[in-house]
């Protein structure tokens, strides 16, 4: 399937496994094994499409110049809220209380921090279209940011989407050692108070594993979503900190 054909069907999704265009997503079990989890191409980044994707275990991930790529990898990396791990070294950092943590105060700055070029990585998947789409979700009350400050300077943070009792983590950044970990710990503790069940971390990384994230079968993740994910959003997101 050529890029031209996909562009000609710009409002539709190309199902990569079945070689057809459709208006909705295929079942996640149709995702490719190589590359792992690629499910569909094209469509758009409207709020309706994104929320539908998350509720079905699908997320967008593509670089500038590429069509929108939709993924549902197997296994899926998750952090169950009650399984958060805080190492001795991280616990010491938290006790020092050197970082100030806020929620939803500079969402756009967090987006930019996550999109900034990183050492050894030339491209960013947080394109201009992605920024606009998630800013829209933020304004609707679905997307949220966590900010980590040191001496009134933004040094780390993360953002993601909250639906029902599931938080879908999208990206994090750190300009000071441990800043993104501190942000994630504060997020998990805040989510626990609101009876959230799981943070979707999408794909495994050693960084996330140290905090308790683990890979699970995609089928188990989908069952979690069926039980805990809905279009419900939290009206009062700000914690008492």
C-alpha atoms as a PDB file:
ATOM      1  CA  UNK A   1       0.000   0.000   0.000  1.00  0.00           C
ATOM      2  CA  UNK A   2       1.462   3.321  -1.081  1.00  0.00           C
ATOM      3  CA  UNK A   3       1.535   6.550   0.900  1.00  0.00           C
ATOM      4  CA  UNK A   4      -0.551   8.125  -1.892  1.00  0.00           C
ATOM      5  CA  UNK A   5      -3.347   5.596  -1.378  1.00  0.00           C
ATOM      6  CA  UNK A   6      -3.340   6.301   2.360  1.00  0.00           C
ATOM      7  CA  UNK A   7      -3.452  10.062   1.767  1.00  0.00           C
ATOM      8  CA  UNK A   8      -6.341   9.611  -0.686  1.00  0.00           C
ATOM      9  CA  UNK A   9      -8.268   7.878   2.119  1.00  0.00           C
ATOM     10  CA  UNK A  10      -7.188  10.435   4.719  1.00  0.00           C
ATOM     11  CA  UNK A  11     -10.169   9.962   7.048  1.00  0.00           C
ATOM     12  CA  UNK A  12      -9.952   6.190   7.002  1.00  0.00           C
ATOM     13  CA  UNK A  13      -7.662   3.685   8.672  1.00  0.00           C
ATOM     14  CA  UNK A  14      -5.623   1.223   6.648  1.00  0.00           C
ATOM     15  CA  UNK A  15      -5.667  -2.187   8.361  1.00  0.00           C
ATOM     16  CA  UNK A  16      -2.134  -3.439   7.734  1.00  0.00           C
ATOM     17  CA  UNK A  17      -2.914  -7.118   8.286  1.00  0.00           C
ATOM     18  CA  UNK A  18      -6.001  -7.285   6.074  1.00  0.00           C
ATOM     19  CA  UNK A  19      -4.942  -4.763   3.406  1.00  0.00           C
ATOM     20  CA  UNK A  20      -8.238  -2.853   3.575  1.00  0.00           C
ATOM     21  CA  UNK A  21      -9.466   0.614   4.538  1.00  0.00           C
ATOM     22  CA  UNK A  22     -12.093   1.092   7.235  1.00  0.00           C
ATOM     23  CA  UNK A  23     -13.565   3.815   9.418  1.00  0.00           C
ATOM     24  CA  UNK A  24     -12.684   2.160  12.721  1.00  0.00           C
ATOM     25  CA  UNK A  25      -9.842   0.147  14.260  1.00  0.00           C
ATOM     26  CA  UNK A  26      -9.406  -3.577  13.722  1.00  0.00           C
ATOM     27  CA  UNK A  27      -9.228  -5.963  16.670  1.00  0.00           C
ATOM     28  CA  UNK A  28      -5.842  -5.602  18.380  1.00  0.00           C
ATOM     29  CA  UNK A  29      -5.162  -9.294  17.799  1.00  0.00           C
ATOM     30  CA  UNK A  30      -4.668  -8.349  14.146  1.00  0.00           C
ATOM     31  CA  UNK A  31      -1.548  -6.314  15.012  1.00  0.00           C
ATOM     32  CA  UNK A  32       1.678  -7.365  13.304  1.00  0.00           C
ATOM     33  CA  UNK A  33       4.434  -9.246  15.062  1.00  0.00           C
ATOM     34  CA  UNK A  34       7.102  -7.442  13.056  1.00  0.00           C
ATOM     35  CA  UNK A  35       7.156  -4.575  13.691  1.00  0.00           C
ATOM     36  CA  UNK A  36       5.622  -5.581  16.980  1.00  0.00           C
ATOM     37  CA  UNK A  37       2.172  -4.114  17.472  1.00  0.00           C
ATOM     38  CA  UNK A  38       1.662  -2.144  14.239  1.00  0.00           C
ATOM     39  CA  UNK A  39      -2.100  -2.276  13.712  1.00  0.00           C
ATOM     40  CA  UNK A  40      -3.250   0.511  11.392  1.00  0.00           C
ATOM     41  CA  UNK A  41      -2.065   3.490   9.376  1.00  0.00           C
ATOM     42  CA  UNK A  42      -3.695   6.840   8.695  1.00  0.00           C
ATOM     43  CA  UNK A  43      -6.886   8.339  10.017  1.00  0.00           C
ATOM     44  CA  UNK A  44      -6.666  11.452  12.163  1.00  0.00           C
ATOM     45  CA  UNK A  45      -5.865  12.666  15.676  1.00  0.00           C
ATOM     46  CA  UNK A  46      -9.286  13.938  16.684  1.00  0.00           C
ATOM     47  CA  UNK A  47     -10.242  13.588  20.329  1.00  0.00           C
ATOM     48  CA  UNK A  48     -12.885  11.018  19.432  1.00  0.00           C
ATOM     49  CA  UNK A  49     -10.359   8.871  17.560  1.00  0.00           C
ATOM     50  CA  UNK A  50      -7.702   9.115  20.287  1.00  0.00           C
ATOM     51  CA  UNK A  51     -10.069   8.294  23.146  1.00  0.00           C
ATOM     52  CA  UNK A  52     -11.474   5.364  21.186  1.00  0.00           C
ATOM     53  CA  UNK A  53      -7.938   4.149  20.534  1.00  0.00           C
ATOM     54  CA  UNK A  54      -6.916   4.298  24.191  1.00  0.00           C
ATOM     55  CA  UNK A  55     -10.055   2.511  25.341  1.00  0.00           C
ATOM     56  CA  UNK A  56      -9.159  -0.317  22.956  1.00  0.00           C
ATOM     57  CA  UNK A  57      -5.473  -0.575  23.873  1.00  0.00           C
ATOM     58  CA  UNK A  58      -4.128   1.363  20.879  1.00  0.00           C
ATOM     59  CA  UNK A  59      -1.868   4.430  20.716  1.00  0.00           C
ATOM     60  CA  UNK A  60      -0.314   6.616  17.981  1.00  0.00           C
ATOM     61  CA  UNK A  61       3.447   6.666  17.453  1.00  0.00           C
ATOM     62  CA  UNK A  62       5.112   8.079  14.351  1.00  0.00           C
ATOM     63  CA  UNK A  63       7.815  10.502  13.264  1.00  0.00           C
ATOM     64  CA  UNK A  64       7.504  13.790  11.405  1.00  0.00           C
ATOM     65  CA  UNK A  65       6.825  13.129   7.712  1.00  0.00           C
ATOM     66  CA  UNK A  66       5.274   9.710   8.307  1.00  0.00           C
ATOM     67  CA  UNK A  67       1.564   8.914   8.196  1.00  0.00           C
ATOM     68  CA  UNK A  68      -0.092   8.299  11.562  1.00  0.00           C
ATOM     69  CA  UNK A  69       0.905   4.839  12.809  1.00  0.00           C
ATOM     70  CA  UNK A  70      -1.294   3.057  15.377  1.00  0.00           C
ATOM     71  CA  UNK A  71       0.170   0.421  17.708  1.00  0.00           C
ATOM     72  CA  UNK A  72      -0.904  -2.248  20.176  1.00  0.00           C
ATOM     73  CA  UNK A  73       2.233  -4.210  21.156  1.00  0.00           C
ATOM     74  CA  UNK A  74       2.296  -7.594  22.818  1.00  0.00           C
ATOM     75  CA  UNK A  75       3.457  -7.771  25.568  1.00  0.00           C
ATOM     76  CA  UNK A  76       2.284  -4.457  27.022  1.00  0.00           C
ATOM     77  CA  UNK A  77       4.235  -2.657  29.749  1.00  0.00           C
ATOM     78  CA  UNK A  78       2.118  -1.553  32.718  1.00  0.00           C
ATOM     79  CA  UNK A  79       2.611  -0.255  36.227  1.00  0.00           C
ATOM     80  CA  UNK A  80      -0.120  -1.432  38.549  1.00  0.00           C
ATOM     81  CA  UNK A  81      -0.615   1.331  41.087  1.00  0.00           C
ATOM     82  CA  UNK A  82      -0.263  -0.959  44.109  1.00  0.00           C
ATOM     83  CA  UNK A  83       3.018  -2.355  42.765  1.00  0.00           C
ATOM     84  CA  UNK A  84       4.968   0.920  42.682  1.00  0.00           C
ATOM     85  CA  UNK A  85       8.562   0.322  43.773  1.00  0.00           C
ATOM     86  CA  UNK A  86      10.680   3.015  45.367  1.00  0.00           C
ATOM     87  CA  UNK A  87      14.341   2.083  45.672  1.00  0.00           C
ATOM     88  CA  UNK A  88      16.480   3.138  48.613  1.00  0.00           C
ATOM     89  CA  UNK A  89      18.293   5.699  46.498  1.00  0.00           C
ATOM     90  CA  UNK A  90      15.055   7.156  45.152  1.00  0.00           C
ATOM     91  CA  UNK A  91      13.556   7.152  48.644  1.00  0.00           C
ATOM     92  CA  UNK A  92      16.536   9.219  49.799  1.00  0.00           C
ATOM     93  CA  UNK A  93      15.917  11.699  46.964  1.00  0.00           C
ATOM     94  CA  UNK A  94      12.256  11.981  47.949  1.00  0.00           C
ATOM     95  CA  UNK A  95      13.127  12.569  51.608  1.00  0.00           C
ATOM     96  CA  UNK A  96      15.455  15.410  50.656  1.00  0.00           C
ATOM     97  CA  UNK A  97      12.395  17.125  49.189  1.00  0.00           C
ATOM     98  CA  UNK A  98      14.597  19.093  46.795  1.00  0.00           C
ATOM     99  CA  UNK A  99      12.042  18.973  43.973  1.00  0.00           C
ATOM    100  CA  UNK A 100       8.702  20.740  43.886  1.00  0.00           C
ATOM    101  CA  UNK A 101       6.006  18.778  42.025  1.00  0.00           C
ATOM    102  CA  UNK A 102       2.942  20.327  40.420  1.00  0.00           C
ATOM    103  CA  UNK A 103       0.105  19.080  38.226  1.00  0.00           C
ATOM    104  CA  UNK A 104      -1.325  20.667  35.058  1.00  0.00           C
ATOM    105  CA  UNK A 105       0.376  24.036  35.511  1.00  0.00           C
ATOM    106  CA  UNK A 106       2.561  24.148  32.358  1.00  0.00           C
ATOM    107  CA  UNK A 107       1.222  21.389  30.099  1.00  0.00           C
ATOM    108  CA  UNK A 108       2.648  22.935  26.927  1.00  0.00           C
ATOM    109  CA  UNK A 109       6.116  23.256  28.482  1.00  0.00           C
ATOM    110  CA  UNK A 110       6.027  19.572  29.427  1.00  0.00           C
ATOM    111  CA  UNK A 111       5.079  18.678  25.851  1.00  0.00           C
ATOM    112  CA  UNK A 112       8.030  20.690  24.594  1.00  0.00           C
ATOM    113  CA  UNK A 113      10.347  19.104  27.149  1.00  0.00           C
ATOM    114  CA  UNK A 114       9.323  15.634  26.034  1.00  0.00           C
ATOM    115  CA  UNK A 115       9.681  16.594  22.371  1.00  0.00           C
ATOM    116  CA  UNK A 116      13.168  18.073  22.720  1.00  0.00           C
ATOM    117  CA  UNK A 117      15.987  16.216  21.030  1.00  0.00           C
ATOM    118  CA  UNK A 118      17.736  13.729  23.281  1.00  0.00           C
ATOM    119  CA  UNK A 119      21.283  12.461  23.220  1.00  0.00           C
ATOM    120  CA  UNK A 120      21.695   9.884  20.472  1.00  0.00           C
ATOM    121  CA  UNK A 121      18.128  10.364  19.178  1.00  0.00           C
ATOM    122  CA  UNK A 122      17.669  12.621  16.156  1.00  0.00           C
ATOM    123  CA  UNK A 123      13.918  12.398  15.570  1.00  0.00           C
ATOM    124  CA  UNK A 124      11.018  12.944  17.936  1.00  0.00           C
ATOM    125  CA  UNK A 125       7.635  11.299  17.641  1.00  0.00           C
ATOM    126  CA  UNK A 126       6.021  14.281  19.373  1.00  0.00           C
ATOM    127  CA  UNK A 127       5.261  16.128  16.148  1.00  0.00           C
ATOM    128  CA  UNK A 128       3.414  19.417  15.751  1.00  0.00           C
ATOM    129  CA  UNK A 129       0.211  17.458  15.047  1.00  0.00           C
ATOM    130  CA  UNK A 130       0.684  15.383  18.208  1.00  0.00           C
ATOM    131  CA  UNK A 131       1.178  18.545  20.277  1.00  0.00           C
ATOM    132  CA  UNK A 132      -2.051  20.060  18.968  1.00  0.00           C
ATOM    133  CA  UNK A 133      -3.974  16.847  19.535  1.00  0.00           C
ATOM    134  CA  UNK A 134      -2.885  16.423  23.145  1.00  0.00           C
ATOM    135  CA  UNK A 135      -3.313  20.102  23.930  1.00  0.00           C
ATOM    136  CA  UNK A 136      -6.911  19.619  22.787  1.00  0.00           C
ATOM    137  CA  UNK A 137      -7.270  16.622  25.127  1.00  0.00           C
ATOM    138  CA  UNK A 138      -5.793  18.719  27.937  1.00  0.00           C
ATOM    139  CA  UNK A 139      -8.323  21.476  27.340  1.00  0.00           C
ATOM    140  CA  UNK A 140     -11.084  18.829  27.384  1.00  0.00           C
ATOM    141  CA  UNK A 141      -9.870  17.524  30.756  1.00  0.00           C
ATOM    142  CA  UNK A 142      -8.494  14.160  29.601  1.00  0.00           C
ATOM    143  CA  UNK A 143      -4.766  14.867  29.236  1.00  0.00           C
ATOM    144  CA  UNK A 144      -2.683  15.822  32.277  1.00  0.00           C
ATOM    145  CA  UNK A 145       0.880  16.805  33.059  1.00  0.00           C
ATOM    146  CA  UNK A 146       3.128  16.398  36.069  1.00  0.00           C
ATOM    147  CA  UNK A 147       5.905  18.954  36.481  1.00  0.00           C
ATOM    148  CA  UNK A 148       9.084  18.644  38.504  1.00  0.00           C
ATOM    149  CA  UNK A 149      10.814  21.870  39.536  1.00  0.00           C
ATOM    150  CA  UNK A 150      14.204  22.685  41.021  1.00  0.00           C
ATOM    151  CA  UNK A 151      14.851  26.279  42.134  1.00  0.00           C
ATOM    152  CA  UNK A 152      11.803  27.419  40.146  1.00  0.00           C
ATOM    153  CA  UNK A 153      13.150  25.814  36.973  1.00  0.00           C
ATOM    154  CA  UNK A 154      11.285  23.041  35.139  1.00  0.00           C
ATOM    155  CA  UNK A 155      13.678  20.088  35.208  1.00  0.00           C
ATOM    156  CA  UNK A 156      11.432  17.128  34.446  1.00  0.00           C
ATOM    157  CA  UNK A 157       7.932  15.913  33.960  1.00  0.00           C
ATOM    158  CA  UNK A 158       5.523  13.681  32.122  1.00  0.00           C
ATOM    159  CA  UNK A 159       2.136  13.744  30.466  1.00  0.00           C
ATOM    160  CA  UNK A 160      -0.585  11.298  29.583  1.00  0.00           C
ATOM    161  CA  UNK A 161      -4.304  10.651  29.340  1.00  0.00           C
ATOM    162  CA  UNK A 162      -6.638   9.652  32.180  1.00  0.00           C
ATOM    163  CA  UNK A 163      -9.770   7.652  31.364  1.00  0.00           C
ATOM    164  CA  UNK A 164     -11.846   5.989  34.039  1.00  0.00           C
ATOM    165  CA  UNK A 165      -9.330   4.410  36.408  1.00  0.00           C
ATOM    166  CA  UNK A 166      -6.492   4.057  33.879  1.00  0.00           C
ATOM    167  CA  UNK A 167      -3.700   6.553  33.187  1.00  0.00           C
ATOM    168  CA  UNK A 168      -2.101   6.189  29.757  1.00  0.00           C
ATOM    169  CA  UNK A 169       1.445   7.495  30.044  1.00  0.00           C
ATOM    170  CA  UNK A 170       2.723   9.118  26.867  1.00  0.00           C
ATOM    171  CA  UNK A 171       6.164  10.565  27.504  1.00  0.00           C
ATOM    172  CA  UNK A 172       8.504  11.887  30.177  1.00  0.00           C
ATOM    173  CA  UNK A 173      11.667  13.939  30.276  1.00  0.00           C
ATOM    174  CA  UNK A 174      14.390  14.759  32.766  1.00  0.00           C
ATOM    175  CA  UNK A 175      16.975  17.535  32.842  1.00  0.00           C
ATOM    176  CA  UNK A 176      18.167  16.645  36.341  1.00  0.00           C
ATOM    177  CA  UNK A 177      18.924  13.202  37.727  1.00  0.00           C
ATOM    178  CA  UNK A 178      15.805  11.464  39.090  1.00  0.00           C
ATOM    179  CA  UNK A 179      13.431  14.288  38.101  1.00  0.00           C
ATOM    180  CA  UNK A 180      11.199  12.137  35.888  1.00  0.00           C
ATOM    181  CA  UNK A 181      11.173   9.344  38.484  1.00  0.00           C
ATOM    182  CA  UNK A 182      10.066  11.791  41.166  1.00  0.00           C
ATOM    183  CA  UNK A 183       7.292  12.992  38.850  1.00  0.00           C
ATOM    184  CA  UNK A 184       6.125   9.420  38.233  1.00  0.00           C
ATOM    185  CA  UNK A 185       6.139   8.546  41.943  1.00  0.00           C
ATOM    186  CA  UNK A 186       4.029  11.608  42.734  1.00  0.00           C
ATOM    187  CA  UNK A 187       1.674  10.716  39.898  1.00  0.00           C
ATOM    188  CA  UNK A 188       1.257   7.124  41.111  1.00  0.00           C
ATOM    189  CA  UNK A 189       0.632   8.241  44.678  1.00  0.00           C
ATOM    190  CA  UNK A 190      -1.918  10.795  43.499  1.00  0.00           C
ATOM    191  CA  UNK A 191      -3.653   8.210  41.293  1.00  0.00           C
ATOM    192  CA  UNK A 192      -3.805   5.772  44.210  1.00  0.00           C
ATOM    193  CA  UNK A 193      -5.788   8.332  46.207  1.00  0.00           C
ATOM    194  CA  UNK A 194      -8.310   8.473  43.352  1.00  0.00           C
ATOM    195  CA  UNK A 195      -8.550   4.657  43.165  1.00  0.00           C
ATOM    196  CA  UNK A 196      -6.834   4.349  39.784  1.00  0.00           C
ATOM    197  CA  UNK A 197      -5.703   0.813  39.005  1.00  0.00           C
ATOM    198  CA  UNK A 198      -2.961   0.985  36.410  1.00  0.00           C
ATOM    199  CA  UNK A 199      -0.573   3.212  34.464  1.00  0.00           C
ATOM    200  CA  UNK A 200      -0.076   2.124  30.865  1.00  0.00           C
ATOM    201  CA  UNK A 201       3.621   2.471  30.048  1.00  0.00           C
ATOM    202  CA  UNK A 202       3.216   1.109  26.506  1.00  0.00           C
ATOM    203  CA  UNK A 203       6.647  -0.448  25.940  1.00  0.00           C
ATOM    204  CA  UNK A 204       9.221  -1.792  28.380  1.00  0.00           C
ATOM    205  CA  UNK A 205      12.238   0.185  29.517  1.00  0.00           C
ATOM    206  CA  UNK A 206      14.760  -0.414  32.284  1.00  0.00           C
ATOM    207  CA  UNK A 207      13.945   3.039  33.646  1.00  0.00           C
ATOM    208  CA  UNK A 208      10.292   2.082  34.174  1.00  0.00           C
ATOM    209  CA  UNK A 209      11.107  -1.422  35.382  1.00  0.00           C
ATOM    210  CA  UNK A 210      13.015  -0.003  38.358  1.00  0.00           C
ATOM    211  CA  UNK A 211       9.737   1.632  39.444  1.00  0.00           C
ATOM    212  CA  UNK A 212       7.732  -1.590  39.234  1.00  0.00           C
ATOM    213  CA  UNK A 213       6.525  -1.587  35.637  1.00  0.00           C
ATOM    214  CA  UNK A 214       6.282  -5.016  34.040  1.00  0.00           C
ATOM    215  CA  UNK A 215       5.303  -6.602  30.724  1.00  0.00           C
ATOM    216  CA  UNK A 216       1.975  -8.434  30.590  1.00  0.00           C
ATOM    217  CA  UNK A 217       0.170 -10.225  27.789  1.00  0.00           C
ATOM    218  CA  UNK A 218      -1.847  -7.894  25.607  1.00  0.00           C
ATOM    219  CA  UNK A 219      -4.970  -9.930  26.281  1.00  0.00           C
ATOM    220  CA  UNK A 220      -4.641  -9.283  30.024  1.00  0.00           C
ATOM    221  CA  UNK A 221      -4.189  -5.585  29.358  1.00  0.00           C
ATOM    222  CA  UNK A 222      -7.357  -5.509  27.259  1.00  0.00           C
ATOM    223  CA  UNK A 223      -9.246  -7.137  30.142  1.00  0.00           C
ATOM    224  CA  UNK A 224      -7.941  -4.399  32.448  1.00  0.00           C
ATOM    225  CA  UNK A 225      -9.311  -1.810  30.058  1.00  0.00           C
ATOM    226  CA  UNK A 226     -12.670  -3.540  29.891  1.00  0.00           C
ATOM    227  CA  UNK A 227     -12.861  -3.424  33.689  1.00  0.00           C
ATOM    228  CA  UNK A 228     -11.364  -0.020  34.461  1.00  0.00           C
ATOM    229  CA  UNK A 229     -11.270   2.215  31.371  1.00  0.00           C
ATOM    230  CA  UNK A 230     -14.154   4.493  30.395  1.00  0.00           C
ATOM    231  CA  UNK A 231     -14.718   7.991  29.038  1.00  0.00           C
ATOM    232  CA  UNK A 232     -15.116   9.218  32.610  1.00  0.00           C
ATOM    233  CA  UNK A 233     -12.735  12.050  33.432  1.00  0.00           C
ATOM    234  CA  UNK A 234     -11.674  13.474  36.779  1.00  0.00           C
ATOM    235  CA  UNK A 235     -13.083  16.962  37.265  1.00  0.00           C
ATOM    236  CA  UNK A 236     -10.889  17.866  40.257  1.00  0.00           C
ATOM    237  CA  UNK A 237      -7.440  16.639  39.271  1.00  0.00           C
ATOM    238  CA  UNK A 238      -5.332  18.834  41.537  1.00  0.00           C
ATOM    239  CA  UNK A 239      -3.934  17.000  44.590  1.00  0.00           C
ATOM    240  CA  UNK A 240      -3.582  18.563  48.004  1.00  0.00           C
ATOM    241  CA  UNK A 241       0.162  19.175  47.966  1.00  0.00           C
END
